[in-house]
């Protein structure tokens, strides 16, 4: 990693904005777990994305599952996974992340 790979922001909301601008286009469907951090929904909506909230309860530790994603009426452009999640504090294991986003653990670790 070099200095060119690092982006500094004035806070997490600025980071969300930059990441979402890089990842999504207006009209894209983006899935969020509910309950979840309201800023994700607000920023994505302001960018013109269509936000779909997945109800995630204690039975899934408030995290999205493969079954919930497969039950969606259309394939989303993206899924925002928070680990640890705000406000629940739950975390996604590497195996769970691999199941819901094949290749994500390999990409995240290098």
N, C-alpha and C. Protein backbone atom coordinates (compact mmCIF):
# COMPACT_ATOMS: atom_id res chain seq x y z
N UNK A 1 0.85 -1.17 0.00
CA UNK A 1 0.00 0.00 0.00
C UNK A 1 0.90 1.24 0.00
N UNK A 2 0.46 2.25 -0.74
CA UNK A 2 1.21 3.50 -0.80
C UNK A 2 0.33 4.65 -0.31
N UNK A 3 0.91 5.82 -0.21
CA UNK A 3 0.14 7.01 0.20
C UNK A 3 -1.03 7.27 -0.74
N UNK A 4 -0.88 6.93 -2.00
CA UNK A 4 -1.95 7.15 -2.98
C UNK A 4 -3.18 6.29 -2.68
N UNK A 5 -3.02 5.26 -1.86
CA UNK A 5 -4.13 4.38 -1.52
C UNK A 5 -4.91 4.85 -0.29
N UNK A 6 -4.51 5.94 0.31
CA UNK A 6 -5.12 6.42 1.55
C UNK A 6 -5.95 7.67 1.27
N UNK A 7 -7.17 7.68 1.81
CA UNK A 7 -8.04 8.85 1.69
C UNK A 7 -8.40 9.28 3.11
N UNK A 8 -8.19 10.55 3.42
CA UNK A 8 -8.56 11.10 4.72
C UNK A 8 -9.82 11.94 4.55
N UNK A 9 -10.76 11.78 5.48
CA UNK A 9 -11.99 12.56 5.44
C UNK A 9 -12.16 13.29 6.76
N UNK A 10 -13.12 14.20 6.79
CA UNK A 10 -13.39 14.98 8.00
C UNK A 10 -14.22 14.19 8.99
N UNK A 11 -14.61 13.00 8.66
CA UNK A 11 -15.40 12.15 9.54
C UNK A 11 -15.98 11.00 8.76
N UNK A 12 -16.67 10.12 9.45
CA UNK A 12 -17.19 8.93 8.79
C UNK A 12 -18.24 9.26 7.72
N UNK A 13 -19.06 10.27 7.96
CA UNK A 13 -20.09 10.61 6.95
C UNK A 13 -19.45 11.06 5.65
N UNK A 14 -18.36 11.78 5.70
CA UNK A 14 -17.63 12.15 4.49
C UNK A 14 -17.08 10.93 3.79
N UNK A 15 -16.62 9.96 4.57
CA UNK A 15 -16.12 8.71 4.00
C UNK A 15 -17.22 7.91 3.32
N UNK A 16 -18.42 7.86 3.97
CA UNK A 16 -19.56 7.18 3.35
C UNK A 16 -19.88 7.82 2.02
N UNK A 17 -19.93 9.14 2.00
CA UNK A 17 -20.29 9.86 0.78
C UNK A 17 -19.32 9.51 -0.34
N UNK A 18 -18.02 9.55 -0.08
CA UNK A 18 -17.04 9.24 -1.11
C UNK A 18 -17.15 7.79 -1.57
N UNK A 19 -17.31 6.87 -0.63
CA UNK A 19 -17.41 5.46 -0.99
C UNK A 19 -18.67 5.19 -1.82
N UNK A 20 -19.79 5.78 -1.40
CA UNK A 20 -21.04 5.56 -2.12
C UNK A 20 -21.00 6.21 -3.49
N UNK A 21 -20.38 7.38 -3.62
CA UNK A 21 -20.24 8.01 -4.94
C UNK A 21 -19.41 7.14 -5.88
N UNK A 22 -18.38 6.49 -5.34
CA UNK A 22 -17.52 5.64 -6.16
C UNK A 22 -18.22 4.33 -6.55
N UNK A 23 -19.11 3.84 -5.69
CA UNK A 23 -19.69 2.51 -5.89
C UNK A 23 -21.02 2.49 -6.63
N UNK A 24 -21.82 3.57 -6.51
CA UNK A 24 -23.19 3.51 -7.00
C UNK A 24 -23.54 4.67 -7.91
N UNK A 25 -24.52 4.42 -8.77
CA UNK A 25 -25.06 5.44 -9.66
C UNK A 25 -26.50 5.76 -9.24
N UNK A 26 -26.99 6.96 -9.59
CA UNK A 26 -28.40 7.26 -9.30
C UNK A 26 -29.31 6.17 -9.88
N UNK A 27 -30.30 5.77 -9.10
CA UNK A 27 -31.22 4.73 -9.52
C UNK A 27 -30.82 3.33 -9.08
N UNK A 28 -29.56 3.13 -8.68
CA UNK A 28 -29.13 1.82 -8.21
C UNK A 28 -29.91 1.42 -6.95
N UNK A 29 -30.19 0.13 -6.83
CA UNK A 29 -30.81 -0.41 -5.62
C UNK A 29 -29.69 -0.82 -4.67
N UNK A 30 -29.75 -0.30 -3.45
CA UNK A 30 -28.75 -0.62 -2.43
C UNK A 30 -29.48 -1.13 -1.20
N UNK A 31 -29.04 -2.27 -0.70
CA UNK A 31 -29.68 -2.92 0.43
C UNK A 31 -28.95 -2.58 1.73
N UNK A 32 -29.75 -2.28 2.77
CA UNK A 32 -29.23 -2.00 4.11
C UNK A 32 -29.95 -2.88 5.11
N UNK A 33 -29.25 -3.28 6.17
CA UNK A 33 -29.90 -4.00 7.26
C UNK A 33 -30.68 -3.00 8.11
N UNK A 34 -31.84 -3.47 8.62
CA UNK A 34 -32.63 -2.64 9.53
C UNK A 34 -32.85 -3.43 10.79
N UNK A 35 -32.46 -2.99 11.98
CA UNK A 35 -32.03 -1.63 12.26
C UNK A 35 -30.63 -1.39 11.73
N UNK A 36 -30.36 -0.13 11.47
CA UNK A 36 -29.06 0.25 10.96
C UNK A 36 -28.81 1.73 11.16
N UNK A 37 -27.64 2.14 10.78
CA UNK A 37 -27.21 3.53 10.94
C UNK A 37 -27.95 4.41 9.95
N UNK A 38 -28.75 5.38 10.42
CA UNK A 38 -29.57 6.20 9.52
C UNK A 38 -28.78 6.97 8.46
N UNK A 39 -27.54 7.31 8.75
CA UNK A 39 -26.77 8.10 7.79
C UNK A 39 -26.58 7.36 6.47
N UNK A 40 -26.46 6.02 6.51
CA UNK A 40 -26.33 5.28 5.25
C UNK A 40 -27.54 5.54 4.35
N UNK A 41 -28.73 5.36 4.91
CA UNK A 41 -29.96 5.56 4.15
C UNK A 41 -30.05 7.00 3.64
N UNK A 42 -29.76 7.96 4.50
CA UNK A 42 -29.88 9.37 4.13
C UNK A 42 -28.92 9.75 3.00
N UNK A 43 -27.68 9.33 3.10
CA UNK A 43 -26.69 9.67 2.07
C UNK A 43 -27.04 8.99 0.75
N UNK A 44 -27.38 7.70 0.80
CA UNK A 44 -27.73 6.98 -0.43
C UNK A 44 -28.96 7.59 -1.10
N UNK A 45 -29.96 7.96 -0.31
CA UNK A 45 -31.16 8.58 -0.87
C UNK A 45 -30.82 9.92 -1.51
N UNK A 46 -29.98 10.71 -0.86
CA UNK A 46 -29.57 12.01 -1.42
C UNK A 46 -28.82 11.84 -2.73
N UNK A 47 -28.14 10.71 -2.90
CA UNK A 47 -27.40 10.43 -4.14
C UNK A 47 -28.29 9.84 -5.23
N UNK A 48 -29.58 9.66 -4.92
CA UNK A 48 -30.50 9.16 -5.92
C UNK A 48 -30.61 7.65 -5.98
N UNK A 49 -30.04 6.96 -5.00
CA UNK A 49 -30.14 5.50 -4.96
C UNK A 49 -31.49 5.11 -4.37
N UNK A 50 -31.95 3.92 -4.76
CA UNK A 50 -33.18 3.35 -4.19
C UNK A 50 -32.75 2.41 -3.06
N UNK A 51 -33.09 2.78 -1.84
CA UNK A 51 -32.68 2.02 -0.68
C UNK A 51 -33.74 0.98 -0.34
N UNK A 52 -33.30 -0.27 -0.16
CA UNK A 52 -34.16 -1.35 0.29
C UNK A 52 -33.64 -1.77 1.65
N UNK A 53 -34.52 -1.74 2.64
CA UNK A 53 -34.11 -2.12 3.99
C UNK A 53 -34.56 -3.55 4.27
N UNK A 54 -33.61 -4.38 4.71
CA UNK A 54 -33.89 -5.76 5.09
C UNK A 54 -34.13 -5.81 6.59
N UNK A 55 -35.29 -6.33 6.99
CA UNK A 55 -35.50 -6.50 8.42
C UNK A 55 -34.57 -7.59 8.92
N UNK A 56 -33.74 -7.25 9.87
CA UNK A 56 -32.79 -8.21 10.46
C UNK A 56 -33.01 -8.21 11.97
N UNK A 57 -33.47 -9.33 12.48
CA UNK A 57 -33.79 -9.42 13.90
C UNK A 57 -32.77 -10.22 14.68
N UNK A 58 -33.08 -10.49 15.93
CA UNK A 58 -32.14 -11.22 16.79
C UNK A 58 -31.81 -12.61 16.26
N UNK A 59 -32.74 -13.21 15.49
CA UNK A 59 -32.49 -14.55 14.96
C UNK A 59 -31.33 -14.58 13.96
N UNK A 60 -30.99 -13.42 13.37
CA UNK A 60 -29.85 -13.33 12.46
C UNK A 60 -28.75 -12.43 13.03
N UNK A 61 -28.85 -12.16 14.32
CA UNK A 61 -27.91 -11.24 14.99
C UNK A 61 -27.91 -9.87 14.30
N UNK A 62 -29.08 -9.48 13.78
CA UNK A 62 -29.27 -8.17 13.15
C UNK A 62 -28.38 -7.94 11.94
N UNK A 63 -28.04 -9.04 11.25
CA UNK A 63 -27.20 -8.98 10.05
C UNK A 63 -27.94 -9.62 8.89
N UNK A 64 -27.66 -9.19 7.64
CA UNK A 64 -28.31 -9.79 6.47
C UNK A 64 -27.86 -11.24 6.29
N UNK A 65 -28.73 -12.02 5.67
CA UNK A 65 -28.42 -13.43 5.39
C UNK A 65 -28.58 -13.70 3.90
N UNK A 66 -28.02 -14.80 3.47
CA UNK A 66 -28.15 -15.22 2.07
C UNK A 66 -29.63 -15.40 1.74
N UNK A 67 -30.39 -16.04 2.63
CA UNK A 67 -31.82 -16.27 2.37
C UNK A 67 -32.57 -14.96 2.19
N UNK A 68 -32.29 -13.97 3.02
CA UNK A 68 -32.97 -12.67 2.90
C UNK A 68 -32.60 -11.98 1.59
N UNK A 69 -31.36 -12.09 1.18
CA UNK A 69 -30.94 -11.47 -0.08
C UNK A 69 -31.56 -12.19 -1.28
N UNK A 70 -31.63 -13.51 -1.21
CA UNK A 70 -32.22 -14.27 -2.31
C UNK A 70 -33.72 -14.02 -2.44
N UNK A 71 -34.37 -13.60 -1.36
CA UNK A 71 -35.81 -13.34 -1.38
C UNK A 71 -36.16 -11.96 -1.96
N UNK A 72 -35.16 -11.14 -2.23
CA UNK A 72 -35.42 -9.82 -2.79
C UNK A 72 -36.02 -9.95 -4.19
N UNK A 73 -36.93 -9.04 -4.56
CA UNK A 73 -37.55 -9.13 -5.89
C UNK A 73 -36.60 -8.82 -7.04
N UNK A 74 -35.52 -8.11 -6.78
CA UNK A 74 -34.52 -7.83 -7.81
C UNK A 74 -33.13 -7.83 -7.21
N UNK A 75 -32.15 -8.12 -8.04
CA UNK A 75 -30.77 -8.14 -7.57
C UNK A 75 -30.30 -6.70 -7.35
N UNK A 76 -29.79 -6.40 -6.16
CA UNK A 76 -29.33 -5.03 -5.88
C UNK A 76 -27.97 -4.75 -6.50
N UNK A 77 -27.67 -3.47 -6.65
CA UNK A 77 -26.34 -3.06 -7.10
C UNK A 77 -25.33 -3.21 -5.98
N UNK A 78 -25.83 -3.20 -4.74
CA UNK A 78 -24.91 -3.32 -3.62
C UNK A 78 -25.62 -3.60 -2.32
N UNK A 79 -24.82 -4.02 -1.36
CA UNK A 79 -25.26 -4.29 0.00
C UNK A 79 -24.28 -3.62 0.93
N UNK A 80 -24.77 -2.78 1.83
CA UNK A 80 -23.90 -2.17 2.83
C UNK A 80 -23.89 -3.08 4.04
N UNK A 81 -22.71 -3.60 4.38
CA UNK A 81 -22.54 -4.47 5.53
C UNK A 81 -21.74 -3.71 6.58
N UNK A 82 -22.32 -3.57 7.74
CA UNK A 82 -21.63 -2.88 8.84
C UNK A 82 -21.21 -3.92 9.87
N UNK A 83 -19.93 -3.95 10.19
CA UNK A 83 -19.41 -4.92 11.14
C UNK A 83 -18.24 -4.28 11.88
N UNK A 84 -18.43 -3.84 13.11
CA UNK A 84 -19.63 -4.00 13.93
C UNK A 84 -20.75 -3.07 13.46
N UNK A 85 -21.96 -3.59 13.62
CA UNK A 85 -23.14 -2.85 13.18
C UNK A 85 -23.52 -1.78 14.20
N UNK A 86 -24.02 -0.67 13.68
CA UNK A 86 -24.55 0.39 14.54
C UNK A 86 -26.05 0.36 14.32
N UNK A 87 -26.88 0.19 15.29
CA UNK A 87 -26.67 0.34 16.73
C UNK A 87 -26.52 -0.96 17.49
N UNK A 88 -26.50 -2.12 16.82
CA UNK A 88 -26.56 -3.39 17.54
C UNK A 88 -25.22 -3.90 18.04
N UNK A 89 -24.13 -3.53 17.38
CA UNK A 89 -22.81 -3.98 17.78
C UNK A 89 -22.44 -5.37 17.31
N UNK A 90 -23.32 -6.02 16.53
CA UNK A 90 -23.00 -7.37 16.06
C UNK A 90 -21.97 -7.32 14.94
N UNK A 91 -21.25 -8.41 14.79
CA UNK A 91 -20.22 -8.49 13.76
C UNK A 91 -20.49 -9.66 12.83
N UNK A 92 -20.03 -9.52 11.59
CA UNK A 92 -20.13 -10.57 10.58
C UNK A 92 -18.84 -11.37 10.61
N UNK A 93 -18.97 -12.69 10.66
CA UNK A 93 -17.77 -13.53 10.63
C UNK A 93 -17.26 -13.61 9.20
N UNK A 94 -16.00 -13.97 9.01
CA UNK A 94 -15.49 -14.14 7.63
C UNK A 94 -16.32 -15.13 6.82
N UNK A 95 -16.77 -16.22 7.44
CA UNK A 95 -17.59 -17.21 6.71
C UNK A 95 -18.92 -16.61 6.29
N UNK A 96 -19.56 -15.82 7.17
CA UNK A 96 -20.83 -15.18 6.82
C UNK A 96 -20.63 -14.18 5.68
N UNK A 97 -19.55 -13.41 5.75
CA UNK A 97 -19.28 -12.44 4.69
C UNK A 97 -19.04 -13.15 3.36
N UNK A 98 -18.31 -14.24 3.39
CA UNK A 98 -18.05 -15.00 2.16
C UNK A 98 -19.35 -15.54 1.57
N UNK A 99 -20.30 -15.92 2.44
CA UNK A 99 -21.58 -16.45 1.96
C UNK A 99 -22.44 -15.37 1.31
N UNK A 100 -22.47 -14.16 1.91
CA UNK A 100 -23.33 -13.12 1.35
C UNK A 100 -22.67 -12.31 0.26
N UNK A 101 -21.36 -12.32 0.21
CA UNK A 101 -20.64 -11.55 -0.82
C UNK A 101 -19.42 -12.35 -1.28
N UNK A 102 -19.64 -13.35 -2.12
CA UNK A 102 -18.51 -14.18 -2.56
C UNK A 102 -17.35 -13.33 -3.08
N UNK A 103 -16.17 -13.63 -2.60
CA UNK A 103 -14.98 -12.89 -3.02
C UNK A 103 -14.66 -11.70 -2.14
N UNK A 104 -15.58 -11.24 -1.32
CA UNK A 104 -15.36 -10.04 -0.53
C UNK A 104 -14.25 -10.24 0.49
N UNK A 105 -14.18 -11.40 1.15
CA UNK A 105 -13.13 -11.59 2.14
C UNK A 105 -11.78 -11.69 1.47
N UNK A 106 -11.73 -12.28 0.30
CA UNK A 106 -10.47 -12.37 -0.43
C UNK A 106 -10.02 -10.98 -0.85
N UNK A 107 -10.93 -10.16 -1.36
CA UNK A 107 -10.60 -8.80 -1.79
C UNK A 107 -10.19 -7.94 -0.61
N UNK A 108 -10.92 -8.05 0.51
CA UNK A 108 -10.65 -7.20 1.67
C UNK A 108 -9.30 -7.52 2.28
N UNK A 109 -8.86 -8.76 2.21
CA UNK A 109 -7.61 -9.12 2.85
C UNK A 109 -6.40 -9.05 1.92
N UNK A 110 -6.66 -8.73 0.66
CA UNK A 110 -5.54 -8.56 -0.24
C UNK A 110 -5.53 -9.57 -1.29
